[in-house]
Amino acid sequence: MTPQQLASEVENLFSLPEIYFRISETIDHPKSTIDDVAKIVSQDPNISARILKISNSSFFGVATEIETLTRAVSIMGLSHLHDLVLAVSATKAFKGIDKNLVDMKSFWLHSVYCAAITHLMARQCNILDSERLFVAGILHDIGHLVIYTRLSTHLPELLSRAREEQIPLEVLEREMLGFDYAEVGGELLKAWKLPSSLYQTILNHTNLKPENPFILDSSIVHLANIMVLQDESKKTGYIAPGFNPVAFQQTGLVEEDLMSIKIEARTNMADILRLLFAS
C-alpha cells in the first residue's frame, strides 16, 4: 500500500462538500463578479453564517462590522475567502468517523491549535496571505485520519510502541508502513485537486527539503506541529519529534520566539473553535 493508493481509496469517503468546488470554480472564472461569488456562498447557510462570523472576528483583523456576504467577499478578497471556505468545508469532510478509531474532538483541538500558530507565524514571517497557512494548519494532520480508518489493524502496535519506546509516531509510521501521515495527507489533498502550494506544504512538513518550492510554508507547519505535540505530550504519552534546523533557517525564527507565539495562539483558540464549529 502506498500513500497514493490510500488517498485513492478514501477520496470519495472523505470528500469536500460540493459547495466548495462550486465556490472555487466561480472564484477562478475570469468573468465572475463579487456578486456571483456571494450568491454561490449564500446557497449554503452553514458556510454563509461561518464566513460572516469569521469576517467580523478580531482574529482576522477586520475593523468594521460586515453585514452582508457581498461586502464580506469585497473586503476579504477572493483569495482570502477561498481559503476560509476551504477551512470550513474541511471540517465537514471528516464527519462520521467512528469515535472508537479516533477522538475527533482531540483531533480538531490539535489541528486548530496548530492553525492558530501557523497563522501567527506566517504574519511574523511577513507572509501577506497568512490565511493560506491557517488552512495548512487545519489540514496538516488529515493523513492520520486516513491511516486510522484504512490501516486500523496496525494501530495497536503502532500506538503502543510509540508510547513504550518513546519514538515519534511519524518515525514509527515510516518504519512500519513505509510512509508517514504527512505523505498520505498530501496525496489526499492532491486527489482533491487542491492547489499544489497546499498539498506540497503538507506532504513535506515532516521531511523538510530546501529544494521544495514551498519550503517556507512547510517549515512553518513543521514548527507549529511540533510545538503543539510538545504541549500535548504529557497528556497523550507520545513524544514529539525534534525541530528540524532547516525550519529555523527558513523562517528566521529562533526557539526563544516560539513561546510568545504559543501564548498568543492559545488566547485565539476559543474564538477559532467557535468560528469553525459552532452551529
Protein backbone atom coordinates (compact mmCIF):
# COMPACT_ATOMS: atom_id res chain seq x y z
CA MET A 1 0.00 0.00 0.00
CA THR A 2 1.31 3.43 -0.97
CA PRO A 3 0.17 6.93 0.09
CA GLN A 4 -1.30 7.40 -3.39
CA GLN A 5 -3.30 4.18 -3.12
CA LEU A 6 -4.61 5.11 0.31
CA ALA A 7 -5.66 8.54 -0.93
CA SER A 8 -7.41 6.96 -3.91
CA GLU A 9 -9.31 4.58 -1.63
CA VAL A 10 -10.70 7.33 0.61
CA GLU A 11 -11.02 10.16 -1.92
CA ASN A 12 -14.79 9.71 -2.09
CA LEU A 13 -15.26 8.60 1.52
CA PHE A 14 -13.60 11.79 2.76
CA SER A 15 -14.62 14.42 0.23
CA LEU A 16 -15.07 18.15 0.34
CA PRO A 17 -18.69 19.27 0.01
CA GLU A 18 -19.85 20.15 -3.50
CA ILE A 19 -20.43 23.76 -2.48
CA TYR A 20 -16.67 24.23 -2.01
CA PHE A 21 -15.93 23.26 -5.61
CA ARG A 22 -18.73 25.49 -6.92
CA ILE A 23 -17.33 28.44 -4.96
CA SER A 24 -13.81 27.65 -6.10
CA GLU A 25 -14.83 27.40 -9.76
CA THR A 26 -16.73 30.69 -9.54
CA ILE A 27 -13.75 32.45 -7.96
CA ASP A 28 -11.45 31.09 -10.68
CA HIS A 29 -13.74 32.09 -13.57
CA PRO A 30 -12.33 35.25 -15.20
CA LYS A 31 -15.79 36.78 -15.77
CA SER A 32 -17.14 36.16 -12.28
CA THR A 33 -18.06 39.13 -10.12
CA ILE A 34 -18.13 39.52 -6.36
CA ASP A 35 -21.93 39.23 -6.51
CA ASP A 36 -21.62 35.91 -8.37
CA VAL A 37 -19.35 34.50 -5.66
CA ALA A 38 -21.57 35.80 -2.85
CA LYS A 39 -24.65 34.17 -4.46
CA ILE A 40 -22.93 30.77 -4.53
CA VAL A 41 -21.78 31.13 -0.91
CA SER A 42 -25.30 32.11 0.16
CA GLN A 43 -26.67 28.78 -1.10
CA ASP A 44 -25.09 27.06 1.90
CA PRO A 45 -26.49 28.59 5.12
CA ASN A 46 -23.85 26.87 7.26
CA ILE A 47 -20.92 28.23 5.29
CA SER A 48 -22.59 31.62 4.88
CA ALA A 49 -23.02 32.02 8.63
CA ARG A 50 -19.46 31.00 9.33
CA ILE A 51 -17.99 33.30 6.69
CA LEU A 52 -19.88 36.24 8.20
CA LYS A 53 -18.72 35.29 11.69
CA ILE A 54 -15.14 34.90 10.53
CA SER A 55 -15.15 38.13 8.54
CA ASN A 56 -16.31 40.01 11.65
CA SER A 57 -13.86 38.35 14.02
CA SER A 58 -10.92 40.15 15.57
CA PHE A 59 -8.78 37.12 14.74
CA PHE A 60 -8.82 38.04 11.06
CA GLY A 61 -8.38 41.73 11.70
CA VAL A 62 -11.45 43.30 10.06
CA ALA A 63 -12.14 46.59 11.84
CA THR A 64 -15.70 47.43 10.68
CA GLU A 65 -18.85 45.35 11.03
CA ILE A 66 -19.74 43.34 7.93
CA GLU A 67 -23.44 42.57 7.49
CA THR A 68 -23.69 41.03 4.01
CA LEU A 69 -21.86 38.29 2.14
CA THR A 70 -21.21 40.62 -0.80
CA ARG A 71 -19.43 43.08 1.50
CA ALA A 72 -17.59 40.23 3.21
CA VAL A 73 -16.31 38.99 -0.14
CA SER A 74 -15.42 42.53 -1.22
CA ILE A 75 -13.45 43.34 1.93
CA MET A 76 -11.86 39.93 2.44
CA GLY A 77 -10.84 39.40 -1.17
CA LEU A 78 -11.40 36.27 -3.23
CA SER A 79 -8.18 34.52 -2.24
CA HIS A 80 -8.88 35.08 1.45
CA LEU A 81 -12.48 33.91 1.02
CA HIS A 82 -11.37 30.78 -0.84
CA ASP A 83 -9.01 29.80 1.98
CA LEU A 84 -11.63 30.32 4.66
CA VAL A 85 -14.31 28.40 2.75
CA LEU A 86 -11.81 25.57 2.37
CA ALA A 87 -11.12 25.57 6.12
CA VAL A 88 -14.84 25.45 6.92
CA SER A 89 -15.50 22.79 4.26
CA ALA A 90 -12.67 20.59 5.51
CA THR A 91 -14.20 20.36 8.97
CA LYS A 92 -17.33 18.90 7.34
CA ALA A 93 -15.44 16.39 5.20
CA PHE A 94 -14.50 14.12 8.09
CA LYS A 95 -17.78 13.88 9.94
CA GLY A 96 -18.98 10.38 10.68
CA ILE A 97 -15.62 8.82 11.52
CA ASP A 98 -16.02 6.02 14.08
CA LYS A 99 -15.28 7.52 17.51
CA ASN A 100 -13.70 4.21 18.51
CA LEU A 101 -10.97 4.81 15.93
CA VAL A 102 -10.19 8.42 16.72
CA ASP A 103 -11.33 11.07 19.17
CA MET A 104 -12.37 13.77 16.70
CA LYS A 105 -12.64 16.44 19.41
CA SER A 106 -8.98 15.92 20.31
CA PHE A 107 -8.07 15.77 16.63
CA TRP A 108 -9.64 19.15 15.84
CA LEU A 109 -8.26 20.73 19.02
CA HIS A 110 -4.78 19.71 17.86
CA SER A 111 -5.44 20.98 14.33
CA VAL A 112 -6.92 24.32 15.44
CA TYR A 113 -4.05 24.93 17.88
CA CYS A 114 -1.61 24.26 15.05
CA ALA A 115 -3.60 26.54 12.71
CA ALA A 116 -3.55 29.37 15.24
CA ILE A 117 0.23 29.08 15.48
CA THR A 118 0.79 28.84 11.72
CA HIS A 119 -1.37 31.92 11.15
CA LEU A 120 0.61 33.97 13.67
CA MET A 121 3.94 32.62 12.48
CA ALA A 122 3.09 33.45 8.87
CA ARG A 123 2.40 37.04 9.86
CA GLN A 124 5.68 37.20 11.75
CA CYS A 125 7.44 35.91 8.62
CA ASN A 126 5.72 38.69 6.60
CA ILE A 127 3.61 36.31 4.51
CA LEU A 128 0.80 38.51 3.19
CA ASP A 129 -1.81 35.78 2.62
CA SER A 130 -1.40 34.27 6.09
CA GLU A 131 -4.82 32.59 5.82
CA ARG A 132 -3.16 30.10 3.45
CA LEU A 133 -1.04 28.90 6.36
CA PHE A 134 -4.08 28.84 8.63
CA VAL A 135 -5.68 26.32 6.26
CA ALA A 136 -2.47 24.29 6.11
CA GLY A 137 -2.53 24.13 9.91
CA ILE A 138 -6.13 22.92 9.90
CA LEU A 139 -5.36 20.21 7.33
CA HIS A 140 -1.82 19.17 8.25
CA ASP A 141 -2.88 16.08 10.21
CA ILE A 142 -5.60 14.59 7.99
CA GLY A 143 -3.30 11.79 6.86
CA HIS A 144 -3.69 10.33 10.34
CA LEU A 145 -7.44 10.04 9.81
CA VAL A 146 -6.83 8.04 6.64
CA ILE A 147 -4.32 5.75 8.39
CA TYR A 148 -6.62 5.23 11.37
CA THR A 149 -9.59 4.27 9.21
CA ARG A 150 -7.83 2.27 6.48
CA LEU A 151 -4.90 0.68 8.33
CA SER A 152 -6.54 0.18 11.70
CA THR A 153 -5.02 -3.29 12.17
CA HIS A 154 -1.63 -1.62 12.58
CA LEU A 155 -2.84 0.83 15.22
CA PRO A 156 -2.43 -1.21 18.42
CA GLU A 157 1.24 -1.97 17.72
CA LEU A 158 1.93 1.49 16.33
CA LEU A 159 0.45 3.35 19.29
CA SER A 160 1.80 1.02 21.99
CA ARG A 161 5.34 1.13 20.58
CA ALA A 162 5.19 4.92 20.28
CA ARG A 163 4.36 5.22 23.98
CA GLU A 164 6.51 2.41 25.36
CA GLU A 165 9.62 3.07 23.28
CA GLN A 166 9.14 6.86 23.15
CA ILE A 167 9.53 7.01 19.39
CA PRO A 168 7.70 9.79 17.48
CA LEU A 169 4.66 8.47 15.63
CA GLU A 170 5.84 9.72 12.26
CA VAL A 171 9.12 7.81 12.67
CA LEU A 172 7.28 4.58 13.50
CA GLU A 173 4.88 5.12 10.60
CA ARG A 174 7.80 5.28 8.19
CA GLU A 175 9.34 2.19 9.78
CA MET A 176 6.17 0.06 9.88
CA LEU A 177 4.20 1.38 6.89
CA GLY A 178 6.91 2.76 4.62
CA PHE A 179 5.45 6.30 4.74
CA ASP A 180 4.10 8.78 7.27
CA TYR A 181 0.84 10.65 7.78
CA ALA A 182 2.13 13.78 6.03
CA GLU A 183 2.65 11.90 2.77
CA VAL A 184 -0.85 10.42 2.98
CA GLY A 185 -2.43 13.78 3.77
CA GLY A 186 -0.59 15.48 0.93
CA GLU A 187 -1.73 12.83 -1.53
CA LEU A 188 -5.36 13.17 -0.40
CA LEU A 189 -5.27 16.94 -0.92
CA LYS A 190 -3.71 16.35 -4.34
CA ALA A 191 -6.52 13.90 -5.18
CA TRP A 192 -9.00 16.59 -4.15
CA LYS A 193 -7.32 18.84 -6.74
CA LEU A 194 -6.33 21.47 -4.20
CA PRO A 195 -3.50 23.90 -5.05
CA SER A 196 0.00 22.45 -5.17
CA SER A 197 1.11 25.10 -2.69
CA LEU A 198 -1.17 23.47 -0.12
CA TYR A 199 -0.67 19.77 -0.76
CA GLN A 200 3.09 20.09 -1.13
CA THR A 201 3.29 22.12 2.08
CA ILE A 202 1.57 19.35 3.99
CA LEU A 203 3.26 16.47 2.20
CA ASN A 204 6.71 17.84 3.07
CA HIS A 205 6.30 19.27 6.56
CA THR A 206 7.77 16.19 8.29
CA ASN A 207 10.67 15.96 5.84
CA LEU A 208 11.95 19.44 5.05
CA LYS A 209 13.90 19.74 1.83
CA PRO A 210 15.37 23.11 0.80
CA GLU A 211 14.59 22.37 -2.86
CA ASN A 212 10.85 22.21 -2.08
CA PRO A 213 9.36 25.36 -3.72
CA PHE A 214 7.12 25.81 -0.66
CA ILE A 215 9.82 25.18 1.92
CA LEU A 216 8.90 28.27 3.97
CA ASP A 217 5.27 27.14 4.29
CA SER A 218 6.34 23.59 5.17
CA SER A 219 8.79 24.95 7.74
CA ILE A 220 6.06 26.97 9.45
CA VAL A 221 3.74 23.96 9.64
CA HIS A 222 6.64 21.82 10.87
CA LEU A 223 7.42 24.19 13.75
CA ALA A 224 3.76 24.67 14.68
CA ASN A 225 3.01 20.95 14.71
CA ILE A 226 5.97 20.12 16.93
CA MET A 227 5.10 22.96 19.31
CA VAL A 228 1.60 21.51 19.72
CA LEU A 229 2.88 17.93 20.07
CA GLN A 230 5.27 19.08 22.80
CA ASP A 231 2.39 20.68 24.68
CA GLU A 232 0.27 17.55 24.32
CA SER A 233 2.97 15.01 25.18
CA LYS A 234 2.30 14.81 28.93
CA LYS A 235 -1.38 14.15 28.30
CA THR A 236 -1.02 11.75 25.35
CA GLY A 237 2.17 9.94 26.31
CA TYR A 238 3.59 10.41 22.81
CA ILE A 239 6.98 12.05 22.36
CA ALA A 240 7.28 14.92 19.88
CA PRO A 241 9.91 14.86 17.12
CA GLY A 242 12.76 17.34 17.39
CA PHE A 243 12.79 20.61 15.49
CA ASN A 244 14.50 20.43 12.11
CA PRO A 245 17.16 23.20 11.91
CA VAL A 246 16.05 23.88 8.32
CA ALA A 247 12.78 25.29 9.69
CA PHE A 248 14.59 27.92 11.75
CA GLN A 249 16.86 28.77 8.83
CA GLN A 250 13.87 29.27 6.52
CA THR A 251 11.70 31.28 8.93
CA GLY A 252 14.45 33.30 10.55
CA LEU A 253 12.97 32.41 13.95
CA VAL A 254 14.78 31.03 16.99
CA GLU A 255 13.34 28.81 19.71
CA GLU A 256 13.00 31.79 22.05
CA ASP A 257 10.47 33.31 19.61
CA LEU A 258 8.15 30.34 19.87
CA MET A 259 6.87 30.87 23.42
CA SER A 260 5.29 34.27 22.73
CA ILE A 261 3.67 32.88 19.56
CA LYS A 262 2.34 29.91 21.52
CA ILE A 263 0.85 32.14 24.24
CA GLU A 264 -0.97 34.32 21.69
CA ALA A 265 -2.21 31.24 19.82
CA ARG A 266 -3.74 29.84 22.99
CA THR A 267 -5.72 33.03 23.50
CA ASN A 268 -7.16 32.66 19.98
CA MET A 269 -8.18 29.00 20.35
CA ALA A 270 -11.68 29.54 21.72
CA ASP A 271 -12.55 32.07 19.01
CA ILE A 272 -11.35 29.79 16.21
CA LEU A 273 -13.25 26.79 17.54
CA ARG A 274 -16.41 28.89 17.80
CA LEU A 275 -15.99 30.27 14.29
CA LEU A 276 -15.35 26.91 12.64
CA PHE A 277 -17.54 24.52 14.62
CA ALA A 278 -20.32 26.34 16.48
CA SER A 279 -23.79 25.94 15.00
